[in-house]
Protein backbone atom coordinates (compact mmCIF):
# COMPACT_ATOMS: atom_id res chain seq x y z
CA MET A 1 -4.47 29.56 3.54
CA ASP A 2 -2.52 28.52 6.23
CA ARG A 3 -1.81 24.77 5.12
CA ALA A 4 -1.93 23.25 1.65
CA ILE A 5 -4.61 20.73 0.88
CA ASP A 6 -2.24 18.20 -0.47
CA LEU A 7 -4.43 15.35 -2.38
CA ARG A 8 -1.59 13.63 -4.12
CA SER A 9 -1.06 10.42 -1.68
CA ASP A 10 -1.62 9.45 1.92
CA THR A 11 2.15 9.30 2.33
CA VAL A 12 2.03 12.84 2.92
CA THR A 13 0.30 12.81 6.55
CA GLN A 14 1.91 14.56 8.92
CA PRO A 15 2.19 12.65 12.77
CA THR A 16 -0.30 13.92 14.96
CA ASP A 17 0.10 15.25 18.66
CA GLY A 18 -0.55 12.54 20.03
CA MET A 19 1.90 10.38 18.04
CA ARG A 20 4.42 12.91 18.45
CA GLN A 21 4.10 12.06 22.00
CA ALA A 22 3.87 8.43 21.72
CA MET A 23 7.67 8.67 20.17
CA LEU A 24 8.63 10.97 22.73
CA ASN A 25 8.01 8.45 25.39
CA ALA A 26 9.01 5.52 24.18
CA PRO A 27 10.83 3.12 25.54
CA VAL A 28 13.77 1.83 23.20
CA GLY A 29 16.45 -0.53 22.94
CA ASP A 30 19.06 -2.13 20.34
CA ASP A 31 16.65 -3.65 17.91
CA VAL A 32 19.61 -5.17 16.21
CA TYR A 33 20.13 -7.58 19.41
CA GLY A 34 16.48 -7.70 19.63
CA GLU A 35 16.10 -5.78 22.71
CA ASP A 36 14.09 -2.67 21.66
CA PRO A 37 10.67 -3.45 23.43
CA THR A 38 8.53 -0.90 21.26
CA VAL A 39 9.87 -2.67 18.33
CA ASN A 40 9.12 -6.48 19.58
CA ARG A 41 5.57 -5.15 20.92
CA LEU A 42 4.78 -3.53 17.46
CA GLU A 43 5.92 -6.78 15.69
CA ALA A 44 4.25 -9.40 17.89
CA ARG A 45 0.94 -7.61 17.74
CA MET A 46 0.64 -7.19 13.49
CA ALA A 47 1.75 -10.48 13.43
CA GLU A 48 -1.19 -11.68 15.47
CA MET A 49 -3.54 -9.03 13.91
CA LEU A 50 -2.39 -10.45 10.38
CA GLY A 51 -3.35 -14.04 11.20
CA GLN A 52 0.84 -14.81 11.35
CA GLU A 53 3.17 -16.15 13.13
CA ALA A 54 5.98 -13.36 13.34
CA GLY A 55 6.72 -10.02 12.26
CA LEU A 56 9.86 -7.78 11.50
CA PHE A 57 9.61 -4.13 11.37
CA VAL A 58 11.47 -2.46 8.25
CA THR A 59 11.54 1.32 7.08
CA SER A 60 9.18 0.94 3.48
CA GLY A 61 6.83 -1.53 1.89
CA THR A 62 9.58 -1.60 -1.06
CA LEU A 63 12.22 -3.12 1.46
CA SER A 64 9.29 -5.35 3.12
CA ASN A 65 7.95 -6.41 -0.47
CA LEU A 66 11.92 -6.84 -1.46
CA LEU A 67 12.55 -8.91 1.43
CA ALA A 68 9.82 -11.25 0.97
CA ILE A 69 10.75 -11.94 -2.46
CA LEU A 70 14.62 -12.89 -1.22
CA THR A 71 13.21 -14.96 1.53
CA HIS A 72 10.91 -16.92 -0.65
CA CYS A 73 12.72 -17.46 -3.78
CA GLN A 74 16.30 -18.42 -4.76
CA ARG A 75 18.63 -16.62 -7.24
CA GLY A 76 17.06 -17.55 -10.84
CA GLU A 77 13.78 -18.47 -10.06
CA GLU A 78 10.91 -16.35 -10.26
CA TYR A 79 7.82 -14.38 -8.84
CA ILE A 80 4.43 -13.40 -10.58
CA ALA A 81 2.81 -9.92 -10.24
CA GLY A 82 0.38 -7.95 -11.63
CA ALA A 83 1.91 -5.38 -14.51
CA ARG A 84 0.67 -2.61 -12.55
CA ALA A 85 1.87 -3.80 -9.38
CA HIS A 86 4.00 -1.91 -7.13
CA ALA A 87 6.18 -4.61 -6.75
CA TYR A 88 6.80 -5.04 -10.22
CA LEU A 89 6.35 -1.54 -11.63
CA GLU A 90 7.32 0.81 -9.14
CA GLU A 91 10.10 -0.67 -6.74
CA ALA A 92 13.04 0.26 -9.21
CA GLY A 93 13.20 -3.76 -10.40
CA GLY A 94 14.94 -4.77 -7.04
CA GLY A 95 13.54 -8.17 -7.42
CA ALA A 96 15.47 -8.66 -10.38
CA VAL A 97 18.52 -6.46 -9.26
CA LEU A 98 18.96 -7.26 -5.81
CA ALA A 99 17.72 -10.81 -5.89
CA SER A 100 18.13 -11.90 -9.09
CA VAL A 101 14.62 -13.63 -9.27
CA GLN A 102 12.81 -12.86 -12.49
CA PRO A 103 9.43 -10.90 -12.60
CA GLN A 104 6.69 -12.54 -14.66
CA PRO A 105 4.22 -9.76 -15.46
CA VAL A 106 0.56 -10.78 -15.60
CA GLU A 107 -1.79 -8.31 -17.02
CA ASN A 108 -4.02 -6.61 -13.89
CA GLU A 109 -8.13 -7.10 -14.39
CA PRO A 110 -9.80 -3.68 -13.92
CA ASP A 111 -10.68 -4.72 -10.19
CA GLY A 112 -6.74 -5.52 -9.47
CA THR A 113 -7.16 -9.20 -9.72
CA LEU A 114 -5.40 -11.59 -11.91
CA ASP A 115 -6.83 -13.67 -14.32
CA LEU A 116 -6.17 -16.96 -12.68
CA ASP A 117 -6.39 -18.84 -15.76
CA LYS A 118 -3.43 -16.47 -16.74
CA VAL A 119 -1.68 -16.69 -13.68
CA VAL A 120 -1.78 -20.85 -14.70
CA ALA A 121 -0.79 -20.09 -17.98
CA VAL A 122 2.75 -18.36 -17.08
CA ILE A 123 3.51 -21.02 -14.68
CA LYS A 124 6.64 -22.36 -16.15
CA PRO A 125 7.06 -26.36 -16.67
CA ASP A 126 9.29 -28.70 -14.93
CA ASP A 127 12.30 -27.97 -17.21
CA PHE A 128 15.61 -26.73 -17.03
CA HIS A 129 14.98 -24.16 -19.76
CA PHE A 130 13.07 -22.05 -17.31
CA ALA A 131 13.08 -20.20 -14.39
CA VAL A 132 11.54 -22.36 -11.49
CA THR A 133 8.24 -20.12 -10.75
CA ARG A 134 7.98 -19.86 -6.60
CA LEU A 135 5.73 -16.84 -5.57
CA LEU A 136 2.84 -15.33 -6.50
CA CYS A 137 2.67 -11.36 -5.64
CA LEU A 138 -0.74 -9.73 -4.75
CA GLU A 139 -1.63 -6.19 -3.48
CA ASN A 140 -4.58 -5.00 -1.70
CA THR A 141 -5.95 -2.47 -2.52
CA PHE A 142 -5.22 -1.95 -6.01
CA PHE A 143 -5.50 1.53 -6.84
CA GLY A 144 -8.09 1.71 -4.13
CA ILE A 145 -10.07 -1.02 -4.91
CA PRO A 146 -9.93 -4.28 -2.17
CA LEU A 147 -9.51 -7.20 -3.83
CA PRO A 148 -12.67 -9.88 -3.49
CA LEU A 149 -12.66 -12.26 -0.62
CA HIS A 150 -14.02 -15.00 -2.40
CA TYR A 151 -10.99 -14.53 -4.89
CA LEU A 152 -7.98 -14.41 -2.24
CA THR A 153 -9.54 -17.84 -1.40
CA ASN A 154 -9.27 -19.04 -4.68
CA VAL A 155 -5.86 -17.94 -5.17
CA GLN A 156 -4.76 -19.84 -1.78
CA VAL A 157 -6.74 -22.69 -3.65
CA LEU A 158 -4.41 -22.01 -6.95
CA GLY A 159 -0.88 -21.68 -4.60
CA ARG A 160 -1.44 -24.87 -3.07
CA GLN A 161 -2.40 -26.58 -6.37
CA HIS A 162 0.96 -25.46 -8.09
CA ASP A 163 3.27 -25.12 -5.07
CA LEU A 164 3.23 -21.35 -5.13
CA ARG A 165 4.06 -19.54 -2.29
CA THR A 166 1.78 -16.49 -1.84
CA HIS A 167 2.89 -12.57 -0.69
CA LEU A 168 0.37 -9.84 -0.02
CA ASP A 169 2.06 -6.39 -0.54
CA GLY A 170 -0.68 -4.87 2.17
CA ALA A 171 0.30 -1.71 1.70
CA ARG A 172 -3.54 -0.35 2.13
CA VAL A 173 -4.67 -3.40 3.65
CA PHE A 174 -6.54 -1.99 6.44
CA ASN A 175 -8.28 0.04 4.22
CA ALA A 176 -9.35 -3.35 2.62
CA ALA A 177 -10.48 -4.23 5.61
CA VAL A 178 -12.41 -1.29 6.78
CA ARG A 179 -14.15 -1.13 3.69
CA GLY A 180 -15.44 -4.75 3.83
CA ASP A 181 -16.17 -4.40 7.60
CA VAL A 182 -13.93 -7.79 8.52
CA PRO A 183 -11.18 -8.33 10.82
CA VAL A 184 -7.76 -7.76 9.04
CA SER A 185 -6.77 -11.28 9.30
CA THR A 186 -9.62 -12.66 7.28
CA ILE A 187 -7.98 -11.01 4.14
CA THR A 188 -4.22 -11.92 5.33
CA SER A 189 -4.08 -14.92 7.23
CA GLY A 190 -4.11 -17.43 4.42
CA PHE A 191 -0.89 -15.80 2.76
CA GLN A 192 2.89 -17.10 3.17
CA SER A 193 3.97 -13.82 4.13
CA VAL A 194 2.29 -10.17 4.02
CA SER A 195 3.84 -6.89 4.22
CA ALA A 196 1.39 -4.10 5.86
CA CYS A 197 2.18 -0.44 5.36
CA LEU A 198 1.83 1.70 8.47
CA SER A 199 2.54 5.18 6.75
CA LYS A 200 0.11 5.53 4.33
CA GLY A 201 -3.48 6.10 5.10
CA LEU A 202 -2.58 5.20 9.16
CA GLY A 203 -0.53 8.18 9.26
CA ALA A 204 3.01 6.89 10.96
CA PRO A 205 5.62 8.70 9.36
CA VAL A 206 7.70 5.78 8.67
CA GLY A 207 7.72 2.11 8.63
CA SER A 208 5.68 -1.42 7.36
CA VAL A 209 5.93 -4.34 9.31
CA LEU A 210 6.71 -7.83 7.52
CA THR A 211 5.09 -10.96 8.54
CA GLY A 212 5.23 -14.51 8.01
CA SER A 213 6.17 -17.92 9.59
CA ARG A 214 8.85 -17.68 12.17
CA GLU A 215 11.30 -19.40 10.40
CA PHE A 216 10.81 -16.93 7.32
CA ILE A 217 10.87 -13.97 9.70
CA ALA A 218 14.63 -15.26 10.70
CA GLN A 219 15.79 -15.21 6.95
CA ALA A 220 14.26 -12.26 6.30
CA ARG A 221 15.76 -11.05 9.50
CA ARG A 222 19.17 -11.40 7.81
CA TRP A 223 18.21 -10.48 4.43
CA ARG A 224 17.25 -7.05 6.33
CA LYS A 225 20.75 -7.31 8.09
CA MET A 226 22.37 -7.84 4.47
CA LEU A 227 20.93 -4.86 2.95
CA GLY A 228 21.56 -2.55 5.69
CA GLY A 229 18.01 -2.06 6.83
CA ALA A 230 18.77 -3.58 10.61
CA ALA A 231 18.52 -0.18 13.22
CA ARG A 232 19.60 0.40 16.90
CA GLN A 233 16.52 2.32 18.94
CA VAL A 234 14.04 2.08 16.07
CA GLY A 235 11.14 2.30 19.19
CA VAL A 236 11.11 5.97 18.25
CA LEU A 237 9.44 5.03 14.91
CA ALA A 238 7.56 1.37 15.94
CA ALA A 239 6.07 4.09 18.36
CA ALA A 240 4.27 5.77 16.00
CA GLY A 241 3.06 2.42 14.30
CA SER A 242 1.64 1.20 17.86
CA TYR A 243 -0.20 4.85 18.22
CA ALA A 244 -1.69 4.30 14.54
CA LEU A 245 -3.07 1.02 15.08
CA ASP A 246 -4.86 1.98 18.06
CA HIS A 247 -6.08 5.40 17.06
CA HIS A 248 -6.32 5.48 13.14
CA ILE A 249 -7.57 2.18 11.72
CA SER A 250 -11.72 2.85 12.61
CA ARG A 251 -11.11 6.39 11.28
CA LEU A 252 -10.22 5.17 7.62
CA SER A 253 -13.69 5.29 6.97
CA ASP A 254 -13.31 8.88 7.18
CA ASP A 255 -11.30 8.75 4.33
CA HIS A 256 -13.46 6.88 2.37
CA GLU A 257 -16.47 9.00 3.01
CA GLN A 258 -14.28 11.84 2.07
CA ALA A 259 -13.41 10.15 -1.06
CA GLU A 260 -16.95 9.57 -2.02
CA ARG A 261 -18.08 12.58 -1.46
CA LEU A 262 -15.36 14.00 -3.84
CA ALA A 263 -16.60 11.92 -6.64
CA GLU A 264 -19.88 13.17 -6.07
CA LEU A 265 -19.09 16.68 -6.10
CA LEU A 266 -16.88 16.24 -9.16
CA ALA A 267 -19.35 14.37 -11.09
CA THR A 268 -20.85 17.55 -11.36
CA VAL A 269 -17.88 19.01 -12.96
CA ASP A 270 -19.03 19.14 -17.20
CA GLU A 271 -15.20 18.88 -17.75
CA ALA A 272 -14.38 15.99 -15.44
CA LYS A 273 -14.77 11.78 -15.93
CA VAL A 274 -14.67 10.52 -12.65
CA HIS A 275 -14.14 6.77 -12.74
CA GLU A 276 -16.25 4.57 -11.34
CA THR A 277 -16.01 1.45 -8.73
CA PRO A 278 -18.16 -0.68 -7.06
CA GLN A 279 -16.07 -0.58 -4.05
CA ARG A 280 -14.33 2.93 -3.33
CA THR A 281 -11.60 3.59 -0.20
CA ASN A 282 -9.53 6.40 0.00
CA MET A 283 -8.92 7.09 -3.73
CA VAL A 284 -10.32 8.98 -6.54
CA PHE A 285 -9.53 8.43 -9.98
CA VAL A 286 -10.79 11.63 -12.65
CA SER A 287 -9.81 12.22 -15.98
CA PHE A 288 -9.43 15.81 -17.46
CA PRO A 289 -9.05 17.35 -20.95
CA SER A 290 -5.52 16.52 -21.50
CA ASP A 291 -4.60 19.56 -22.89
CA GLN A 292 -5.53 21.33 -19.15
CA LEU A 293 -3.59 19.13 -16.82
CA THR A 294 -0.51 21.36 -16.14
CA ASP A 295 -2.60 24.55 -16.54
CA LEU A 296 -5.29 23.10 -13.58
CA ARG A 297 -2.78 21.44 -11.42
CA ASP A 298 -0.56 25.04 -11.69
CA HIS A 299 -4.18 26.94 -10.80
CA LEU A 300 -4.96 24.55 -7.89
CA LYS A 301 -1.38 25.05 -6.19
CA GLU A 302 -1.42 28.52 -6.54
CA ARG A 303 -4.84 28.14 -3.91
CA GLY A 304 -3.14 25.94 -1.76
CA ILE A 305 -4.21 22.82 -3.30
CA LEU A 306 -1.71 20.35 -4.13
CA ILE A 307 -2.36 17.22 -6.95
CA THR A 308 -0.41 15.22 -8.95
CA ALA A 309 -1.79 16.12 -12.82
CA LYS A 310 0.85 14.21 -15.19
CA GLU A 311 -1.80 12.44 -17.39
CA ASN A 312 -5.11 10.89 -16.92
CA PRO A 313 -6.66 9.84 -14.75
CA VAL A 314 -5.50 12.17 -12.13
CA ARG A 315 -5.85 10.38 -8.87
CA PHE A 316 -6.90 12.04 -5.73
CA VAL A 317 -5.84 10.43 -2.36
CA THR A 318 -8.17 11.40 0.81
CA HIS A 319 -6.40 10.90 4.52
CA LEU A 320 -6.67 11.97 7.97
CA ASP A 321 -5.20 15.50 7.15
CA VAL A 322 -8.09 16.32 4.38
CA ALA A 323 -10.91 17.89 6.10
CA PRO A 324 -14.62 18.03 4.73
CA THR A 325 -14.25 21.51 4.11
CA ASP A 326 -11.20 20.87 1.93
CA ILE A 327 -13.05 18.97 -0.03
CA GLU A 328 -15.59 21.96 -1.01
CA LEU A 329 -12.66 23.96 -1.83
CA THR A 330 -11.13 21.67 -3.63
CA VAL A 331 -14.09 21.19 -6.17
CA GLN A 332 -14.98 25.09 -5.91
CA ALA A 333 -11.33 25.63 -7.52
CA ILE A 334 -11.74 23.28 -10.09
CA LYS A 335 -14.82 24.50 -11.04
CA ASN A 336 -13.70 28.36 -11.07
CA TYR A 337 -10.59 27.41 -13.24
CA PHE A 338 -12.78 25.57 -16.04
CA ARG A 339 -15.40 28.46 -15.90
CA THR A 340 -12.93 31.55 -16.29
CA GLY A 341 -11.68 29.26 -19.25
CA GLY A 342 -8.68 28.08 -17.68
CA ALA A 343 -7.24 31.61 -16.57
C-alpha cells in the first residue's frame, strides 16, 4: 500500500494541490499591523458566515477557546462546560491556569447537550463566597453528533435569563451545518462568540477563527498578543483556510456518507458493536473485545491502516483523504483479524 489509511482523526488531512497553490500565491502583509490582506479577508468572511461582527485568525481551536474565556471572564469568575467537552477536558486546563477562571463541569447527555435544569442548578448565587458564573460553553458537533437547533434556541433564552454569555466551540460546526442542511449561521449567530476550526474536516493545515462583536474581538486580539499568538505574514496559512471555505464545505457530506457506510459494514462483524446515533456526521464509535484492542490496532497498522484503540469505544473518523475503497479495505482487514483468531 502506497499510503496509510488514517482513521484516527480528521486532523490528519493533507493540503490538496489546489490548497498548496493558493498558499503559494497568497498576498501577505504584517498581520500584527493589521496589514495582511489574506488574513483580513478570511476574518471578515468567517464573521459574516457565522453571523458575527468580526473575526480573529488564530493557530488552533485550543487557543481560540482560551481567548474566548479570557475575554468573556474576569479572574476568579467561572465558566460552565460539559464534563466531556474539549474546552474543559482536553485543553490542558488553560482556562483555570492561564485565565484564572474556574471551570464548572456539567455531565453531558448522550446527545452532547447539557441538561439546562442542571446548568441552572450550578449557576452561583450573588454571594461573595462564590465565583461569579459568567460564561456557558457548548461544543458542536459533540463526538460527531450535531446539537439540536431547538436546543440552541433554548440555550440562548437561558443565557439572557441568567445574564450568561455563551460561547460555541465549533470545532466541527460546518459538519453540523451540512448534516442539518442549514446555513452555518443558523447554528452560530445567537452565540456571543464562536470558535470555528479550519484544520479538521475542512482540511486546512492549521488555524481557527474566533468570532464575536467588534469590541470582543478587539479585546481578544490583545490577549492573543499577550499569549504570543500574534504572527506576521500569516496569510500563507489563512489562504489555506479560505481555499477550504471555497472548496471543502459541501464535500463534508461525502465524509458523512463514508462514515455511514463504515458503520453499516462494521455492523456485519460479530465482534464489533457499533454505537448508534440519530445524526451521524464523520465519526463512528465501535466497541471490540477489550482484550483484543492492542492486537487489533497492531494488525491494522501492519496493513497500513491507522486507528486509535486505547480503550472502548474506538473512534473511526472519515475525512477528505479517506476513499470509498479505504472503507472496504478497513472492514475486510478487521474481519480477517477476527476470522484468524487474532493471529
